[in-house]
C-alpha cells in the first residue's frame, strides 16, 4: 500500500516504513503517564481523554490522580451530583467537560453495567463523546484498530506524508482517509502506532521548534525532504485572559466550588466589579448547566 503526497516535490511513501521506527522510538521514549499503565483501565483512559482536551499534561496530572482516587469506577461518579464533578474539576478550564464526563459515567452505569463499553459504536453513543474520544478509548484502552486523530497526530501525518508544515484548522475527509491508509493492518500494532504517532507529535514534531534530529522518520519525512517549506501556521491562541468573560466565569465558579452551601448573590458580586459583564458570565454558567439558581438570589453547583 502506498500513499501519494499532495505536494509537487513528494514522491511515494510506504506506510509500513513508518511503523517500526516510530513504534521503536515510542518504546524507548514514551512518557510514563498514569493513564498508560495497565491498572488505569478503560475508565482511566476515558477520564484522561476528557481532561487532556485543550489542557497540557502537567496541569492534568494532579487532578487526574485525585479524580481516580475519589471515583475509581464510572458508577462512583454517577452516584454523585454533577456539581461535585464541576467542583473536582478545579481550575482545569472548560468545566463543561466535567458535566459531559459525569453524563458519560451515568450512561455507562445505566446502559453497560458500569463497565466502559468496548465497541466503538457504543462509545460514540455515550453523551459527551465524539469521534476522536471514541477512537482513542477503543484504541488505547482496548487495543483496537482505529485512526486516532488529535492535533499532534494530524501534524505528524501532514509533514511526514504530505509535505505540509501544518494541517488544516479542522480535520478534513482527506486527513481521515490518509490516517486510515497509514494504519497498520494488525490490530495491536495499530493501537501502538496510534499512541506512538501522538507522542511523536507531542514531544518531537511540535508545532514550533520541531526537533528533526530526534525524529525516527526524519530521513523519509516529505516536509523535511522538500526543504521544510513554510506554510501558514495554526492561529496562536489569544494570550489575553485578564478581563475576559472566561476569567469572570472562573472567578464565579471558584466561589461556588469552595462553598459547602448555596452562595448568595452578594458573594458573587464581590468577585467582579463590572455588573454587566458579571451578569453575562453568570447567565452563561447557568445556561451551560454549571450553576443552578435558587430562590432568594442564591446559587449552587448543580445537583441534577
Protein backbone atom coordinates (compact mmCIF):
# COMPACT_ATOMS: atom_id res chain seq x y z
CA UNK A 1 0.00 0.00 0.00
CA UNK A 2 1.33 3.43 -0.91
CA UNK A 3 0.30 6.98 -0.21
CA UNK A 4 0.83 9.65 -2.84
CA UNK A 5 1.84 13.04 -1.45
CA UNK A 6 -0.10 16.12 -2.39
CA UNK A 7 2.96 18.33 -2.79
CA UNK A 8 4.80 18.71 -6.08
CA UNK A 9 8.15 17.69 -4.60
CA UNK A 10 6.95 14.49 -2.96
CA UNK A 11 7.16 11.00 -4.34
CA UNK A 12 5.54 7.91 -2.83
CA UNK A 13 5.64 6.91 0.83
CA UNK A 14 5.33 3.36 2.05
CA UNK A 15 3.31 3.41 5.29
CA UNK A 16 4.98 0.25 6.54
CA UNK A 17 8.33 2.05 6.52
CA UNK A 18 7.00 4.41 9.19
CA UNK A 19 5.54 1.93 11.65
CA UNK A 20 8.61 0.16 13.03
CA UNK A 21 10.83 3.23 13.64
CA UNK A 22 8.05 5.28 15.23
CA UNK A 23 6.92 2.43 17.48
CA UNK A 24 10.53 1.62 18.43
CA UNK A 25 11.08 5.28 19.29
CA UNK A 26 7.92 5.24 21.42
CA UNK A 27 9.03 2.11 23.24
CA UNK A 28 12.18 3.95 24.31
CA UNK A 29 10.95 7.50 24.84
CA UNK A 30 7.27 7.35 25.84
CA UNK A 31 6.43 9.28 28.97
CA UNK A 32 5.34 7.23 31.98
CA UNK A 33 1.83 8.62 32.32
CA UNK A 34 -0.71 7.06 34.72
CA UNK A 35 -3.38 6.55 32.06
CA UNK A 36 -0.92 4.46 30.04
CA UNK A 37 -0.41 1.96 32.84
CA UNK A 38 -2.40 -1.29 32.75
CA UNK A 39 -4.08 -0.55 36.07
CA UNK A 40 -5.67 2.60 34.64
CA UNK A 41 -8.19 0.54 32.72
CA UNK A 42 -10.67 1.90 30.21
CA UNK A 43 -12.19 4.31 32.73
CA UNK A 44 -8.81 5.85 33.48
CA UNK A 45 -8.17 6.25 29.76
CA UNK A 46 -11.56 7.91 29.27
CA UNK A 47 -11.03 10.32 32.16
CA UNK A 48 -7.63 11.31 30.77
CA UNK A 49 -9.04 11.94 27.31
CA UNK A 50 -11.68 14.31 28.67
CA UNK A 51 -9.15 16.15 30.80
CA UNK A 52 -6.46 16.44 28.14
CA UNK A 53 -8.69 18.28 25.68
CA UNK A 54 -7.10 21.74 25.34
CA UNK A 55 -5.16 21.20 28.58
CA UNK A 56 -1.46 20.30 28.97
CA UNK A 57 -0.35 17.13 30.70
CA UNK A 58 1.32 18.85 33.66
CA UNK A 59 -1.94 20.54 34.65
CA UNK A 60 -3.97 17.37 34.19
CA UNK A 61 -1.80 15.01 36.25
CA UNK A 62 -2.73 16.12 39.80
CA UNK A 63 -6.44 16.46 39.02
CA UNK A 64 -6.47 13.09 37.27
CA UNK A 65 -4.89 11.37 40.28
CA UNK A 66 -7.38 12.96 42.68
CA UNK A 67 -10.30 12.14 40.41
CA UNK A 68 -9.45 8.44 40.10
CA UNK A 69 -8.77 8.16 43.81
CA UNK A 70 -12.25 9.52 44.52
CA UNK A 71 -14.10 7.90 41.62
CA UNK A 72 -12.22 4.76 40.56
CA UNK A 73 -15.22 3.44 38.61
CA UNK A 74 -17.90 5.15 36.49
CA UNK A 75 -20.61 4.17 38.95
CA UNK A 76 -18.78 6.02 41.74
CA UNK A 77 -19.00 9.26 39.80
CA UNK A 78 -22.55 8.57 38.58
CA UNK A 79 -23.79 8.39 42.17
CA UNK A 80 -22.58 11.91 42.87
CA UNK A 81 -24.29 15.16 41.90
CA UNK A 82 -22.95 16.69 38.69
CA UNK A 83 -21.89 19.72 40.72
CA UNK A 84 -19.35 17.54 42.51
CA UNK A 85 -17.72 16.78 39.17
CA UNK A 86 -17.54 20.51 38.49
CA UNK A 87 -16.06 21.08 41.94
CA UNK A 88 -13.41 18.39 41.50
CA UNK A 89 -12.53 19.73 38.04
CA UNK A 90 -10.86 22.64 39.81
CA UNK A 91 -9.01 25.03 37.53
CA UNK A 92 -8.52 22.77 34.54
CA UNK A 93 -10.68 25.12 32.49
CA UNK A 94 -13.57 24.43 30.12
CA UNK A 95 -15.59 22.94 33.01
CA UNK A 96 -18.42 21.74 30.76
CA UNK A 97 -16.11 18.78 30.18
CA UNK A 98 -16.77 17.77 33.80
CA UNK A 99 -20.51 17.70 33.18
CA UNK A 100 -20.03 15.67 29.99
CA UNK A 101 -17.82 13.17 31.79
CA UNK A 102 -20.41 12.87 34.55
CA UNK A 103 -23.11 12.27 31.94
CA UNK A 104 -20.96 9.60 30.29
CA UNK A 105 -20.45 7.90 33.67
CA UNK A 106 -24.20 7.82 34.24
CA UNK A 107 -24.82 6.34 30.80
CA UNK A 108 -22.10 3.72 31.31
CA UNK A 109 -23.68 2.75 34.63
CA UNK A 110 -27.22 2.59 33.25
CA UNK A 111 -26.54 1.00 29.85
CA UNK A 112 -23.39 -1.06 30.32
CA UNK A 113 -23.42 -2.29 33.91
CA UNK A 114 -20.77 0.19 34.98
CA UNK A 115 -18.15 -1.03 32.51
CA UNK A 116 -16.79 1.24 29.77
CA UNK A 117 -18.08 -0.39 26.56
CA UNK A 118 -15.63 -2.00 24.21
CA UNK A 119 -17.38 -1.31 20.92
CA UNK A 120 -16.55 1.91 19.09
CA UNK A 121 -20.22 2.45 18.20
CA UNK A 122 -21.25 2.08 21.84
CA UNK A 123 -18.58 4.53 22.94
CA UNK A 124 -19.70 7.00 20.29
CA UNK A 125 -23.27 6.75 21.56
CA UNK A 126 -22.29 7.92 25.05
CA UNK A 127 -23.11 11.55 25.86
CA UNK A 128 -20.21 13.95 25.51
CA UNK A 129 -18.11 11.57 23.39
CA UNK A 130 -17.22 12.41 19.80
CA UNK A 131 -15.36 10.56 17.08
CA UNK A 132 -11.90 11.32 18.46
CA UNK A 133 -12.62 10.25 22.05
CA UNK A 134 -14.41 7.08 20.98
CA UNK A 135 -11.48 6.09 18.77
CA UNK A 136 -8.94 6.99 21.46
CA UNK A 137 -10.63 4.91 24.17
CA UNK A 138 -11.17 1.95 21.83
CA UNK A 139 -7.54 2.10 20.75
CA UNK A 140 -5.69 2.98 23.95
CA UNK A 141 -7.86 1.02 26.39
CA UNK A 142 -8.83 -1.98 24.27
CA UNK A 143 -6.04 -2.20 21.70
CA UNK A 144 -8.34 -1.86 18.71
CA UNK A 145 -7.54 -0.63 15.22
CA UNK A 146 -8.83 2.93 14.80
CA UNK A 147 -7.50 6.14 13.33
CA UNK A 148 -6.94 8.42 16.33
CA UNK A 149 -6.59 11.95 15.01
CA UNK A 150 -5.68 14.62 17.51
CA UNK A 151 -3.75 17.79 16.67
CA UNK A 152 -0.37 16.15 17.27
CA UNK A 153 -1.09 13.16 15.04
CA UNK A 154 -2.50 15.37 12.29
CA UNK A 155 0.68 17.46 12.32
CA UNK A 156 2.94 14.39 12.09
CA UNK A 157 0.95 12.99 9.18
CA UNK A 158 0.79 16.36 7.41
CA UNK A 159 4.55 16.69 7.50
CA UNK A 160 5.69 13.10 7.03
CA UNK A 161 3.17 12.03 4.40
CA UNK A 162 2.03 15.13 2.56
CA UNK A 163 4.92 17.58 2.94
CA UNK A 164 2.75 20.24 4.56
CA UNK A 165 4.04 22.03 7.65
CA UNK A 166 0.67 22.37 9.37
CA UNK A 167 -2.62 20.52 8.99
CA UNK A 168 -5.86 22.44 8.32
CA UNK A 169 -7.62 24.07 11.25
CA UNK A 170 -10.39 21.46 11.16
CA UNK A 171 -9.98 17.76 10.39
CA UNK A 172 -10.80 17.02 6.76
CA UNK A 173 -12.04 13.94 4.93
CA UNK A 174 -8.66 13.73 3.21
CA UNK A 175 -6.89 13.57 6.57
CA UNK A 176 -9.18 10.79 7.77
CA UNK A 177 -8.53 8.85 4.57
CA UNK A 178 -4.77 9.30 4.98
CA UNK A 179 -4.91 8.21 8.62
CA UNK A 180 -6.73 5.02 7.62
CA UNK A 181 -4.16 4.33 4.90
CA UNK A 182 -1.35 4.74 7.41
CA UNK A 183 -2.87 2.34 9.95
CA UNK A 184 -1.01 -0.95 10.40
CA UNK A 185 -3.11 -3.96 9.49
CA UNK A 186 -2.51 -5.85 12.71
CA UNK A 187 -4.80 -4.59 15.47
CA UNK A 188 -2.36 -4.37 18.38
CA UNK A 189 0.28 -2.78 16.18
CA UNK A 190 -2.29 -0.24 15.01
CA UNK A 191 -3.11 0.68 18.60
CA UNK A 192 0.59 1.08 19.39
CA UNK A 193 1.04 3.19 16.26
CA UNK A 194 -1.79 5.48 17.36
CA UNK A 195 -0.13 6.14 20.72
CA UNK A 196 3.36 6.41 19.20
CA UNK A 197 2.46 8.90 16.47
CA UNK A 198 0.64 11.02 19.04
CA UNK A 199 3.66 11.06 21.35
CA UNK A 200 5.95 11.90 18.46
CA UNK A 201 3.87 14.98 17.71
CA UNK A 202 3.75 15.98 21.36
CA UNK A 203 7.49 15.68 22.05
CA UNK A 204 9.41 15.98 18.77
CA UNK A 205 7.31 17.07 15.79
CA UNK A 206 5.88 20.01 17.66
CA UNK A 207 4.01 22.96 16.19
CA UNK A 208 7.05 25.17 16.59
CA UNK A 209 10.73 24.38 17.16
CA UNK A 210 10.41 20.83 15.85
CA UNK A 211 13.44 18.66 16.68
CA UNK A 212 14.13 16.78 13.45
CA UNK A 213 17.44 15.49 14.83
CA UNK A 214 15.48 13.35 17.30
CA UNK A 215 12.81 12.21 14.84
CA UNK A 216 12.94 8.49 13.93
CA UNK A 217 11.48 9.14 10.47
CA UNK A 218 13.32 12.35 9.56
CA UNK A 219 15.05 10.58 6.67
CA UNK A 220 11.70 9.88 4.99
CA UNK A 221 9.66 12.91 6.06
CA UNK A 222 8.20 14.58 2.95
CA UNK A 223 8.27 18.05 4.51
CA UNK A 224 11.90 17.80 5.58
CA UNK A 225 12.99 16.29 2.27
CA UNK A 226 11.29 19.17 0.46
CA UNK A 227 13.39 21.67 2.41
CA UNK A 228 10.76 22.34 5.11
CA UNK A 229 8.76 24.88 3.07
CA UNK A 230 6.90 27.33 5.27
CA UNK A 231 3.13 27.35 5.27
CA UNK A 232 0.62 29.36 7.17
CA UNK A 233 0.70 28.09 10.71
CA UNK A 234 -2.08 27.46 13.18
CA UNK A 235 -3.59 30.55 14.71
CA UNK A 236 -1.98 31.39 18.01
CA UNK A 237 -4.27 31.27 20.97
CA UNK A 238 -5.06 34.65 22.34
CA UNK A 239 -2.69 35.47 25.15
CA UNK A 240 -5.10 37.80 26.90
CA UNK A 241 -7.08 36.20 29.72
CA UNK A 242 -7.37 39.04 32.20
CA UNK A 243 -10.64 40.87 31.86
CA UNK A 244 -12.35 38.30 29.64
CA UNK A 245 -15.66 36.57 30.29
CA UNK A 246 -13.67 33.36 30.80
CA UNK A 247 -11.85 34.96 33.72
CA UNK A 248 -15.10 36.17 35.25
CA UNK A 249 -16.70 32.74 34.85
CA UNK A 250 -13.68 31.19 36.53
CA UNK A 251 -13.89 33.57 39.48
CA UNK A 252 -17.61 32.92 39.95
CA UNK A 253 -17.14 29.16 39.74
CA UNK A 254 -14.26 29.32 42.23
CA UNK A 255 -16.58 30.85 44.84
CA UNK A 256 -19.17 28.13 44.28
CA UNK A 257 -16.62 25.31 44.27
CA UNK A 258 -15.24 26.41 47.61
CA UNK A 259 -18.65 26.77 49.27
CA UNK A 260 -20.34 23.87 51.03
CA UNK A 261 -23.73 25.60 50.91
CA UNK A 262 -25.61 27.79 48.41
CA UNK A 263 -23.98 31.16 47.84
CA UNK A 264 -25.83 34.49 47.97
CA UNK A 265 -25.73 36.88 45.03
CA UNK A 266 -23.73 39.35 47.11
CA UNK A 267 -20.84 36.87 47.45
CA UNK A 268 -20.70 36.50 43.68
CA UNK A 269 -20.99 40.25 43.11
CA UNK A 270 -17.91 40.75 45.26
CA UNK A 271 -15.57 38.89 42.88
CA UNK A 272 -16.00 41.20 39.87
CA UNK A 273 -16.56 44.93 39.79
CA UNK A 274 -18.34 45.32 36.45
CA UNK A 275 -22.02 44.33 36.78
CA UNK A 276 -22.90 43.86 33.11
CA UNK A 277 -20.02 41.50 32.41
CA UNK A 278 -20.53 39.73 35.72
CA UNK A 279 -24.20 39.18 34.95
CA UNK A 280 -23.42 37.94 31.45
CA UNK A 281 -20.86 35.46 32.81
CA UNK A 282 -23.25 34.20 35.49
CA UNK A 283 -26.08 33.81 32.97
CA UNK A 284 -23.72 31.83 30.76
CA UNK A 285 -22.82 29.48 33.61
CA UNK A 286 -26.49 28.91 34.34
CA UNK A 287 -27.24 28.32 30.65
CA UNK A 288 -24.40 25.80 30.42
CA UNK A 289 -25.76 23.86 33.39
CA UNK A 290 -22.71 24.62 35.53
CA UNK A 291 -24.59 26.73 38.07
CA UNK A 292 -28.08 26.30 39.48
CA UNK A 293 -30.08 29.39 40.56
CA UNK A 294 -32.22 29.09 43.69
CA UNK A 295 -34.87 31.27 45.24
CA UNK A 296 -33.96 34.46 47.07
CA UNK A 297 -30.89 35.11 44.91
CA UNK A 298 -28.81 32.11 45.94
CA UNK A 299 -26.73 29.90 43.63
CA UNK A 300 -25.08 26.49 43.87
CA UNK A 301 -23.36 23.89 41.77
CA UNK A 302 -25.91 21.60 40.07
CA UNK A 303 -27.43 18.68 41.96
CA UNK A 304 -29.19 17.06 39.00
